[in-house]
Amino acid sequence: MNLKYLKLNRIIFAFLGLFFLTSFNIGNENKEKVRIFVSWPGAEFLPAYEWKIGEQKPIGIEPALIERILEIAGYDYVYVDNYNYVKDGDVRIDAILDGVADISIRSITITKERLEKVNFSHPYFTDGLSAMTLAESQITSKRDFNNKSIYADNFTTAYIWAKDNFPESRIVSSENFLFYERPEDRLLLEQIDVYLADMSYLRNIANKNNRFKILDEKYSNEPFAIAVDKNKSKLLEDINIAIEQLSDSGELQELIKGFEN
């Protein structure tokens, strides 16, 4: 091989190397970054998520799940942490409708009304509504809910279920109390008789305080799914493919097993 030919080869290889390196970097820089809404720093809904003050992102079952899904689907992500929400609605859905987030994951049940506003991924877990009362309460089943004070967040399926099934009872929500008062605290103060929510969430509270009990009933089936902007059909498709892969491999069950403990 002559010297001139060798120099030409080196120039060609150097050019190709620079081309591929540049292309790789451009691809990384242009990789779509999905905006995820869960909540704000300082909030928690264990075992689903917890966002500690000072931390850059939340931890818990749902953050771990969505990060793994987006990793498989080939997307970068960022958590929404500065949404100035002033409405009295379902912040999980409104974050998408207001253009703040592309997706939302926060124990969101698929309902007909929500499907009119956003798309939903395949379900990743099915929970059910349940009730928590004081351990010494004489309330033992939903038959005892009549003429009682029942708490349920007004943007949830629990609130709708309570309104539909117990019209004679007093159904209250967050607007009936000071914003920093938790429902379980209101239960301890006997300001309410029953706290309705997802069983996995109520179980997490009751496991930490023996003054509470969970009734041995589920009043509904609540399929949790990821809410996706209706304009992001490709993102929805990629998320569903990732969920299917996780389900087939058994990894999905490992990621969500904390909901069942």
Protein backbone atom coordinates (compact mmCIF):
# COMPACT_ATOMS: atom_id res chain seq x y z
CA MET A 1 0.00 0.00 0.00
CA ASN A 2 1.53 3.35 -1.02
CA LEU A 3 1.81 6.33 1.31
CA LYS A 4 -0.67 8.43 -0.63
CA TYR A 5 -3.35 5.72 -0.42
CA LEU A 6 -2.71 5.22 3.31
CA LYS A 7 -3.11 8.94 4.01
CA LEU A 8 -6.36 8.99 2.02
CA ASN A 9 -7.74 6.06 4.05
CA ARG A 10 -6.89 7.80 7.31
CA ILE A 11 -8.66 10.94 6.16
CA ILE A 12 -11.76 8.94 5.18
CA PHE A 13 -11.87 7.03 8.49
CA ALA A 14 -11.37 10.24 10.47
CA PHE A 15 -14.20 11.88 8.57
CA LEU A 16 -16.53 8.91 9.12
CA GLY A 17 -15.67 8.80 12.81
CA LEU A 18 -16.44 12.48 13.19
CA PHE A 19 -19.67 12.04 11.25
CA PHE A 20 -20.94 9.18 13.42
CA LEU A 21 -19.91 10.89 16.64
CA THR A 22 -21.68 14.09 15.62
CA SER A 23 -24.76 12.18 14.54
CA PHE A 24 -24.85 10.31 17.86
CA ASN A 25 -24.61 13.51 19.88
CA ILE A 26 -27.29 15.23 17.82
CA GLY A 27 -29.55 12.21 18.33
CA ASN A 28 -29.07 12.39 22.08
CA GLU A 29 -29.67 16.13 22.22
CA ASN A 30 -32.85 15.80 20.16
CA LYS A 31 -34.21 12.84 22.10
CA GLU A 32 -37.76 13.71 23.15
CA LYS A 33 -38.11 14.61 26.83
CA VAL A 34 -41.45 13.56 28.28
CA ARG A 35 -42.92 15.82 30.95
CA ILE A 36 -44.33 13.72 33.80
CA PHE A 37 -46.82 15.02 36.34
CA VAL A 38 -47.01 13.18 39.64
CA SER A 39 -47.33 15.87 42.28
CA TRP A 40 -45.17 18.54 43.89
CA PRO A 41 -42.17 18.35 46.22
CA GLY A 42 -43.35 17.73 49.76
CA ALA A 43 -46.34 15.56 48.78
CA GLU A 44 -46.82 11.83 49.21
CA PHE A 45 -49.40 9.16 48.48
CA LEU A 46 -47.68 6.03 49.69
CA PRO A 47 -47.05 3.45 48.46
CA ALA A 48 -47.54 5.10 45.05
CA TYR A 49 -45.12 8.01 45.38
CA GLU A 50 -43.27 10.33 47.76
CA TRP A 51 -41.52 13.57 46.79
CA LYS A 52 -39.27 14.77 49.59
CA ILE A 53 -38.46 18.46 49.91
CA GLY A 54 -35.04 19.15 48.42
CA GLU A 55 -35.08 16.11 46.13
CA GLN A 56 -35.07 16.59 42.36
CA LYS A 57 -37.66 13.91 41.69
CA PRO A 58 -40.13 11.65 43.48
CA ILE A 59 -39.59 8.05 44.54
CA GLY A 60 -42.01 5.18 44.99
CA ILE A 61 -43.79 2.57 42.90
CA GLU A 62 -45.18 4.84 40.20
CA PRO A 63 -42.05 6.95 39.61
CA ALA A 64 -39.97 3.76 39.33
CA LEU A 65 -42.54 2.29 36.95
CA ILE A 66 -42.81 5.26 34.60
CA GLU A 67 -39.05 5.73 34.49
CA ARG A 68 -38.60 2.09 33.49
CA ILE A 69 -41.37 2.33 30.88
CA LEU A 70 -39.82 5.41 29.29
CA GLU A 71 -36.38 3.82 29.38
CA ILE A 72 -37.68 0.86 27.37
CA ALA A 73 -39.62 3.17 25.05
CA GLY A 74 -36.50 5.28 24.40
CA TYR A 75 -37.54 8.60 25.93
CA ASP A 76 -35.87 11.01 28.33
CA TYR A 77 -38.09 12.57 30.98
CA VAL A 78 -38.48 15.45 33.40
CA TYR A 79 -40.86 15.72 36.35
CA VAL A 80 -43.15 18.76 36.48
CA ASP A 81 -42.43 20.56 39.75
CA ASN A 82 -43.74 24.10 39.30
CA TYR A 83 -47.34 23.80 38.14
CA ASN A 84 -49.28 26.77 39.53
CA TYR A 85 -52.61 25.01 39.91
CA VAL A 86 -55.48 27.23 41.04
CA LYS A 87 -58.50 25.19 39.97
CA ASP A 88 -60.68 22.90 42.06
CA GLY A 89 -60.58 19.82 39.88
CA ASP A 90 -58.46 16.79 39.09
CA VAL A 91 -54.94 18.19 38.93
CA ARG A 92 -53.67 14.93 37.40
CA ILE A 93 -55.80 15.46 34.30
CA ASP A 94 -55.68 19.25 34.25
CA ALA A 95 -51.87 19.23 34.16
CA ILE A 96 -52.15 17.63 30.72
CA LEU A 97 -55.06 19.76 29.51
CA ASP A 98 -53.21 22.94 30.53
CA GLY A 99 -50.17 21.88 28.49
CA VAL A 100 -47.91 21.56 31.54
CA ALA A 101 -47.38 17.79 31.24
CA ASP A 102 -47.42 15.14 28.52
CA ILE A 103 -48.37 12.31 30.84
CA SER A 104 -49.64 11.88 34.36
CA ILE A 105 -49.23 8.90 36.69
CA ARG A 106 -50.77 9.05 40.14
CA SER A 107 -53.14 6.15 40.79
CA ILE A 108 -55.52 7.39 38.10
CA THR A 109 -58.52 5.18 37.44
CA ILE A 110 -59.74 4.88 33.86
CA THR A 111 -63.24 6.36 33.64
CA LYS A 112 -65.52 7.35 30.78
CA GLU A 113 -65.39 11.01 31.79
CA ARG A 114 -61.58 11.09 31.89
CA LEU A 115 -61.34 9.30 28.55
CA GLU A 116 -63.09 12.28 26.98
CA LYS A 117 -60.16 14.48 28.06
CA VAL A 118 -57.05 12.27 27.81
CA ASN A 119 -55.95 8.92 26.49
CA PHE A 120 -54.98 6.08 28.81
CA SER A 121 -52.31 3.43 28.59
CA HIS A 122 -52.88 -0.23 29.32
CA PRO A 123 -53.67 -0.64 33.04
CA TYR A 124 -50.66 -1.46 35.21
CA PHE A 125 -52.55 -2.32 38.43
CA THR A 126 -56.13 -2.89 39.55
CA ASP A 127 -57.04 -1.65 43.00
CA GLY A 128 -60.42 -1.13 44.63
CA LEU A 129 -62.18 1.39 46.82
CA SER A 130 -62.22 0.55 50.50
CA ALA A 131 -62.97 2.25 53.80
CA MET A 132 -60.96 3.09 56.91
CA THR A 133 -62.48 3.85 60.30
CA LEU A 134 -61.30 4.06 63.88
CA ALA A 135 -60.46 0.64 65.28
CA GLU A 136 -63.07 0.97 68.03
CA SER A 137 -65.77 2.09 65.59
CA GLN A 138 -68.99 0.08 65.39
CA ILE A 139 -68.88 0.46 61.61
CA THR A 140 -68.11 -2.97 60.19
CA SER A 141 -69.43 -2.82 56.60
CA LYS A 142 -70.84 -0.40 54.06
CA ARG A 143 -74.31 -1.13 55.47
CA ASP A 144 -73.28 1.06 58.40
CA PHE A 145 -72.40 4.10 56.25
CA ASN A 146 -75.92 5.53 56.19
CA ASN A 147 -76.23 8.84 58.01
CA LYS A 148 -72.49 8.94 58.68
CA SER A 149 -69.87 11.53 57.74
CA ILE A 150 -67.83 10.12 54.85
CA TYR A 151 -64.63 11.66 53.49
CA ALA A 152 -63.53 11.24 49.86
CA ASP A 153 -61.46 13.55 47.66
CA ASN A 154 -63.92 15.29 45.35
CA PHE A 155 -62.00 14.55 42.14
CA THR A 156 -61.91 10.78 42.75
CA THR A 157 -64.14 7.85 41.93
CA ALA A 158 -64.55 7.35 45.70
CA TYR A 159 -66.46 10.64 45.93
CA ILE A 160 -68.78 9.69 43.07
CA TRP A 161 -69.37 6.25 44.57
CA ALA A 162 -70.24 7.72 47.98
CA LYS A 163 -72.61 10.30 46.46
CA ASP A 164 -74.36 7.62 44.40
CA ASN A 165 -74.71 5.07 47.17
CA PHE A 166 -75.26 7.14 50.30
CA PRO A 167 -77.40 10.19 49.49
CA GLU A 168 -78.50 10.45 53.12
CA SER A 169 -74.94 10.61 54.43
CA ARG A 170 -72.75 13.69 54.75
CA ILE A 171 -70.10 13.41 52.03
CA VAL A 172 -67.18 15.78 52.68
CA SER A 173 -63.95 16.57 50.91
CA SER A 174 -60.88 18.79 51.26
CA GLU A 175 -62.83 22.05 50.88
CA ASN A 176 -64.67 21.25 54.13
CA PHE A 177 -61.47 21.43 56.19
CA LEU A 178 -58.26 23.41 56.46
CA PHE A 179 -55.86 22.54 53.64
CA TYR A 180 -53.17 21.09 55.94
CA GLU A 181 -55.50 18.69 57.76
CA ARG A 182 -55.14 15.14 56.51
CA PRO A 183 -58.23 12.91 56.30
CA GLU A 184 -56.72 10.41 58.74
CA ASP A 185 -56.23 13.25 61.26
CA ARG A 186 -59.88 14.20 60.85
CA LEU A 187 -60.76 10.59 61.55
CA LEU A 188 -58.73 10.61 64.77
CA LEU A 189 -60.48 13.83 65.81
CA GLU A 190 -63.84 12.16 65.03
CA GLN A 191 -64.69 14.89 62.53
CA ILE A 192 -65.50 12.13 60.05
CA ASP A 193 -66.64 8.54 60.50
CA VAL A 194 -65.33 6.93 57.31
CA TYR A 195 -62.42 7.61 54.98
CA LEU A 196 -62.92 6.26 51.44
CA ALA A 197 -59.93 5.76 49.12
CA ASP A 198 -57.93 3.10 47.28
CA MET A 199 -57.34 0.08 49.48
CA SER A 200 -53.58 0.05 48.87
CA TYR A 201 -53.29 3.63 50.14
CA LEU A 202 -55.52 3.12 53.17
CA ARG A 203 -53.66 -0.06 54.07
CA ASN A 204 -50.39 1.86 54.08
CA ILE A 205 -51.84 4.31 56.63
CA ALA A 206 -53.44 1.66 58.84
CA ASN A 207 -50.25 -0.41 58.95
CA LYS A 208 -48.54 2.50 60.71
CA ASN A 209 -51.24 3.26 63.27
CA ASN A 210 -53.21 0.64 65.21
CA ARG A 211 -55.96 3.16 65.92
CA PHE A 212 -57.26 2.54 62.40
CA LYS A 213 -58.90 -0.45 60.78
CA ILE A 214 -59.62 -1.28 57.13
CA LEU A 215 -62.96 -2.88 56.36
CA ASP A 216 -62.71 -6.24 54.60
CA GLU A 217 -64.47 -5.10 51.45
CA LYS A 218 -63.64 -3.65 48.07
CA TYR A 219 -66.47 -1.64 46.59
CA SER A 220 -65.16 -1.35 43.05
CA ASN A 221 -62.45 -2.36 40.61
CA GLU A 222 -60.10 0.54 39.90
CA PRO A 223 -57.77 -0.03 36.91
CA PHE A 224 -54.81 2.35 37.28
CA ALA A 225 -53.29 3.63 34.03
CA ILE A 226 -51.06 6.40 32.70
CA ALA A 227 -52.93 9.43 31.38
CA VAL A 228 -51.49 10.67 28.08
CA ASP A 229 -52.08 13.84 26.05
CA LYS A 230 -54.49 13.08 23.21
CA ASN A 231 -52.04 14.73 20.80
CA LYS A 232 -49.29 12.25 21.74
CA SER A 233 -50.48 9.11 19.98
CA LYS A 234 -46.95 7.84 19.25
CA LEU A 235 -45.98 8.28 22.89
CA LEU A 236 -49.08 6.34 23.95
CA GLU A 237 -48.23 3.54 21.53
CA ASP A 238 -44.64 3.33 22.79
CA ILE A 239 -45.76 3.32 26.42
CA ASN A 240 -48.20 0.47 25.74
CA ILE A 241 -45.53 -1.58 23.99
CA ALA A 242 -43.22 -1.08 26.98
CA ILE A 243 -45.97 -2.13 29.42
CA GLU A 244 -46.59 -5.27 27.37
CA GLN A 245 -42.89 -6.12 27.44
CA LEU A 246 -42.71 -5.58 31.20
CA SER A 247 -45.80 -7.71 31.72
CA ASP A 248 -44.51 -10.56 29.52
CA SER A 249 -41.15 -10.61 31.31
CA GLY A 250 -42.66 -10.52 34.80
CA GLU A 251 -40.88 -7.28 35.64
CA LEU A 252 -44.16 -5.35 35.84
CA GLN A 253 -45.34 -7.54 38.69
CA GLU A 254 -42.08 -6.90 40.54
CA LEU A 255 -42.35 -3.15 40.04
CA ILE A 256 -45.91 -2.91 41.39
CA LYS A 257 -45.84 -5.56 44.12
CA GLY A 258 -45.69 -2.85 46.79
CA PHE A 259 -49.31 -2.01 46.02
CA GLU A 260 -50.35 -5.41 47.32
CA ASN A 261 -48.35 -5.48 50.58
